[in-house]
Amino acid sequence: MSTFTALIHREDDLYVAECPEVGTVSQGVTIESAVRNLREATELYLEETSIIPYERAFITTFEAVCNA
């Protein structure tokens, strides 16, 4: 078993979850369902793909000027 990262954002009425280590994306009505669907999509992807070494995503924040 491996640990992956889930980046989540909201689009309209859905939550979108992305796994940056392998590039899989899924969605759900709740955060929990989005992550559950992402887990399933990632597992299916890894079953069909020769397992390649991946690096954990490095997540940080930054500030930007927003002219509203």
N, C-alpha and C. Protein backbone atom coordinates (compact mmCIF):
# COMPACT_ATOMS: atom_id res chain seq x y z
N MET A 1 0.85 -1.17 0.00
CA MET A 1 0.00 0.00 0.00
C MET A 1 0.89 1.23 0.00
N SER A 2 0.48 2.24 -0.77
CA SER A 2 1.22 3.50 -0.87
C SER A 2 0.33 4.66 -0.48
N THR A 3 0.94 5.74 -0.08
CA THR A 3 0.21 6.96 0.27
C THR A 3 0.37 7.96 -0.86
N PHE A 4 -0.75 8.53 -1.29
CA PHE A 4 -0.76 9.52 -2.36
C PHE A 4 -1.39 10.82 -1.85
N THR A 5 -1.24 11.88 -2.62
CA THR A 5 -1.78 13.18 -2.29
C THR A 5 -3.08 13.41 -3.05
N ALA A 6 -4.06 14.03 -2.41
CA ALA A 6 -5.30 14.43 -3.07
C ALA A 6 -5.43 15.95 -2.96
N LEU A 7 -5.42 16.63 -4.09
CA LEU A 7 -5.67 18.06 -4.15
C LEU A 7 -7.13 18.24 -4.51
N ILE A 8 -7.86 19.01 -3.73
CA ILE A 8 -9.31 19.10 -3.91
C ILE A 8 -9.72 20.56 -4.08
N HIS A 9 -10.57 20.79 -5.07
CA HIS A 9 -11.18 22.11 -5.23
C HIS A 9 -12.63 21.93 -5.66
N ARG A 10 -13.40 22.98 -5.50
CA ARG A 10 -14.83 22.92 -5.83
C ARG A 10 -15.06 23.53 -7.20
N GLU A 11 -15.86 22.85 -8.01
CA GLU A 11 -16.31 23.37 -9.31
C GLU A 11 -17.82 23.24 -9.36
N ASP A 12 -18.49 24.34 -9.34
CA ASP A 12 -19.96 24.36 -9.33
C ASP A 12 -20.48 23.52 -8.16
N ASP A 13 -21.23 22.46 -8.44
CA ASP A 13 -21.84 21.65 -7.38
C ASP A 13 -21.01 20.42 -7.02
N LEU A 14 -19.80 20.30 -7.56
CA LEU A 14 -18.98 19.10 -7.33
C LEU A 14 -17.63 19.46 -6.74
N TYR A 15 -17.04 18.50 -6.05
CA TYR A 15 -15.65 18.60 -5.62
C TYR A 15 -14.81 17.80 -6.60
N VAL A 16 -13.70 18.39 -7.03
CA VAL A 16 -12.78 17.73 -7.96
C VAL A 16 -11.53 17.38 -7.18
N ALA A 17 -11.11 16.12 -7.29
CA ALA A 17 -9.91 15.65 -6.58
C ALA A 17 -8.89 15.18 -7.60
N GLU A 18 -7.64 15.58 -7.39
CA GLU A 18 -6.56 15.22 -8.31
C GLU A 18 -5.41 14.62 -7.54
N CYS A 19 -4.82 13.58 -8.10
CA CYS A 19 -3.62 12.95 -7.52
C CYS A 19 -2.41 13.39 -8.35
N PRO A 20 -1.60 14.34 -7.86
CA PRO A 20 -0.50 14.85 -8.67
C PRO A 20 0.62 13.84 -8.92
N GLU A 21 0.73 12.83 -8.08
CA GLU A 21 1.81 11.86 -8.28
C GLU A 21 1.62 11.03 -9.56
N VAL A 22 0.36 10.69 -9.88
CA VAL A 22 0.13 9.85 -11.06
C VAL A 22 -0.76 10.54 -12.10
N GLY A 23 -1.38 11.67 -11.77
CA GLY A 23 -2.17 12.42 -12.73
C GLY A 23 -3.63 12.02 -12.83
N THR A 24 -4.13 11.21 -11.92
CA THR A 24 -5.54 10.83 -11.97
C THR A 24 -6.41 11.94 -11.39
N VAL A 25 -7.63 12.02 -11.89
CA VAL A 25 -8.59 13.03 -11.46
C VAL A 25 -9.95 12.39 -11.35
N SER A 26 -10.74 12.81 -10.36
CA SER A 26 -12.11 12.33 -10.22
C SER A 26 -12.92 13.42 -9.55
N GLN A 27 -14.20 13.15 -9.33
CA GLN A 27 -15.07 14.14 -8.71
C GLN A 27 -16.12 13.46 -7.86
N GLY A 28 -16.80 14.26 -7.04
CA GLY A 28 -17.87 13.74 -6.20
C GLY A 28 -18.69 14.88 -5.64
N VAL A 29 -19.87 14.55 -5.14
CA VAL A 29 -20.77 15.54 -4.56
C VAL A 29 -20.24 16.04 -3.22
N THR A 30 -19.53 15.18 -2.50
CA THR A 30 -18.90 15.55 -1.23
C THR A 30 -17.40 15.36 -1.35
N ILE A 31 -16.66 15.93 -0.41
CA ILE A 31 -15.20 15.73 -0.41
C ILE A 31 -14.88 14.25 -0.25
N GLU A 32 -15.61 13.60 0.65
CA GLU A 32 -15.36 12.18 0.90
C GLU A 32 -15.60 11.34 -0.36
N SER A 33 -16.67 11.63 -1.09
CA SER A 33 -16.95 10.85 -2.30
C SER A 33 -15.94 11.17 -3.39
N ALA A 34 -15.47 12.41 -3.46
CA ALA A 34 -14.45 12.76 -4.44
C ALA A 34 -13.15 12.00 -4.17
N VAL A 35 -12.75 11.93 -2.90
CA VAL A 35 -11.52 11.20 -2.54
C VAL A 35 -11.71 9.71 -2.77
N ARG A 36 -12.87 9.17 -2.42
CA ARG A 36 -13.16 7.75 -2.64
C ARG A 36 -13.09 7.43 -4.15
N ASN A 37 -13.68 8.28 -4.97
CA ASN A 37 -13.64 8.08 -6.42
C ASN A 37 -12.22 8.22 -6.96
N LEU A 38 -11.45 9.15 -6.39
CA LEU A 38 -10.06 9.32 -6.80
C LEU A 38 -9.25 8.09 -6.44
N ARG A 39 -9.47 7.53 -5.26
CA ARG A 39 -8.77 6.32 -4.86
C ARG A 39 -9.06 5.19 -5.85
N GLU A 40 -10.34 5.02 -6.21
CA GLU A 40 -10.71 3.98 -7.16
C GLU A 40 -10.06 4.22 -8.52
N ALA A 41 -10.10 5.46 -9.00
CA ALA A 41 -9.49 5.78 -10.29
C ALA A 41 -7.99 5.54 -10.26
N THR A 42 -7.34 5.89 -9.17
CA THR A 42 -5.90 5.70 -9.05
C THR A 42 -5.54 4.22 -8.99
N GLU A 43 -6.31 3.44 -8.23
CA GLU A 43 -6.06 2.00 -8.16
C GLU A 43 -6.24 1.34 -9.53
N LEU A 44 -7.29 1.73 -10.27
CA LEU A 44 -7.50 1.18 -11.61
C LEU A 44 -6.36 1.57 -12.54
N TYR A 45 -5.92 2.82 -12.44
CA TYR A 45 -4.80 3.28 -13.25
C TYR A 45 -3.54 2.47 -12.96
N LEU A 46 -3.25 2.27 -11.67
CA LEU A 46 -2.04 1.55 -11.28
C LEU A 46 -2.11 0.08 -11.66
N GLU A 47 -3.32 -0.51 -11.73
CA GLU A 47 -3.47 -1.90 -12.18
C GLU A 47 -3.10 -2.04 -13.65
N GLU A 48 -3.41 -1.02 -14.45
CA GLU A 48 -3.21 -1.08 -15.89
C GLU A 48 -1.85 -0.54 -16.34
N THR A 49 -1.14 0.11 -15.44
CA THR A 49 0.12 0.75 -15.79
C THR A 49 1.26 0.04 -15.07
N SER A 50 2.36 -0.12 -15.79
CA SER A 50 3.51 -0.67 -15.09
C SER A 50 3.89 0.33 -14.01
N ILE A 51 4.06 -0.16 -12.81
CA ILE A 51 4.31 0.73 -11.68
C ILE A 51 5.64 1.42 -11.88
N ILE A 52 5.58 2.75 -11.86
CA ILE A 52 6.78 3.55 -12.01
C ILE A 52 7.04 4.27 -10.70
N PRO A 53 8.28 4.50 -10.37
CA PRO A 53 8.56 5.23 -9.13
C PRO A 53 7.95 6.63 -9.20
N TYR A 54 7.39 7.07 -8.14
CA TYR A 54 6.81 8.41 -8.08
C TYR A 54 7.39 9.13 -6.88
N GLU A 55 7.34 10.43 -6.96
CA GLU A 55 7.79 11.24 -5.83
C GLU A 55 6.58 11.92 -5.22
N ARG A 56 6.57 12.01 -3.91
CA ARG A 56 5.49 12.72 -3.22
C ARG A 56 5.46 14.16 -3.72
N ALA A 57 4.27 14.67 -3.88
CA ALA A 57 4.12 16.06 -4.30
C ALA A 57 4.58 16.99 -3.18
N PHE A 58 5.20 18.06 -3.54
CA PHE A 58 5.58 19.10 -2.59
C PHE A 58 4.54 20.20 -2.71
N ILE A 59 3.84 20.49 -1.64
CA ILE A 59 2.78 21.46 -1.67
C ILE A 59 3.20 22.67 -0.84
N THR A 60 3.01 23.84 -1.42
CA THR A 60 3.32 25.09 -0.74
C THR A 60 2.27 26.12 -1.11
N THR A 61 2.36 27.29 -0.56
CA THR A 61 1.45 28.38 -0.90
C THR A 61 2.26 29.58 -1.36
N PHE A 62 1.60 30.49 -2.04
CA PHE A 62 2.23 31.74 -2.44
C PHE A 62 1.17 32.82 -2.50
N GLU A 63 1.59 34.07 -2.48
CA GLU A 63 0.68 35.20 -2.56
C GLU A 63 0.79 35.86 -3.91
N ALA A 64 -0.32 36.36 -4.42
CA ALA A 64 -0.35 37.07 -5.68
C ALA A 64 -1.30 38.26 -5.57
N VAL A 65 -1.01 39.31 -6.27
CA VAL A 65 -1.86 40.49 -6.28
C VAL A 65 -3.07 40.21 -7.16
N CYS A 66 -4.25 40.50 -6.63
CA CYS A 66 -5.49 40.29 -7.38
C CYS A 66 -6.13 41.65 -7.60
N ASN A 67 -6.23 42.08 -8.82
CA ASN A 67 -6.89 43.33 -9.15
C ASN A 67 -8.35 43.06 -9.47
N ALA A 68 -9.20 43.32 -8.51
CA ALA A 68 -10.63 43.04 -8.71
C ALA A 68 -11.37 44.25 -9.20
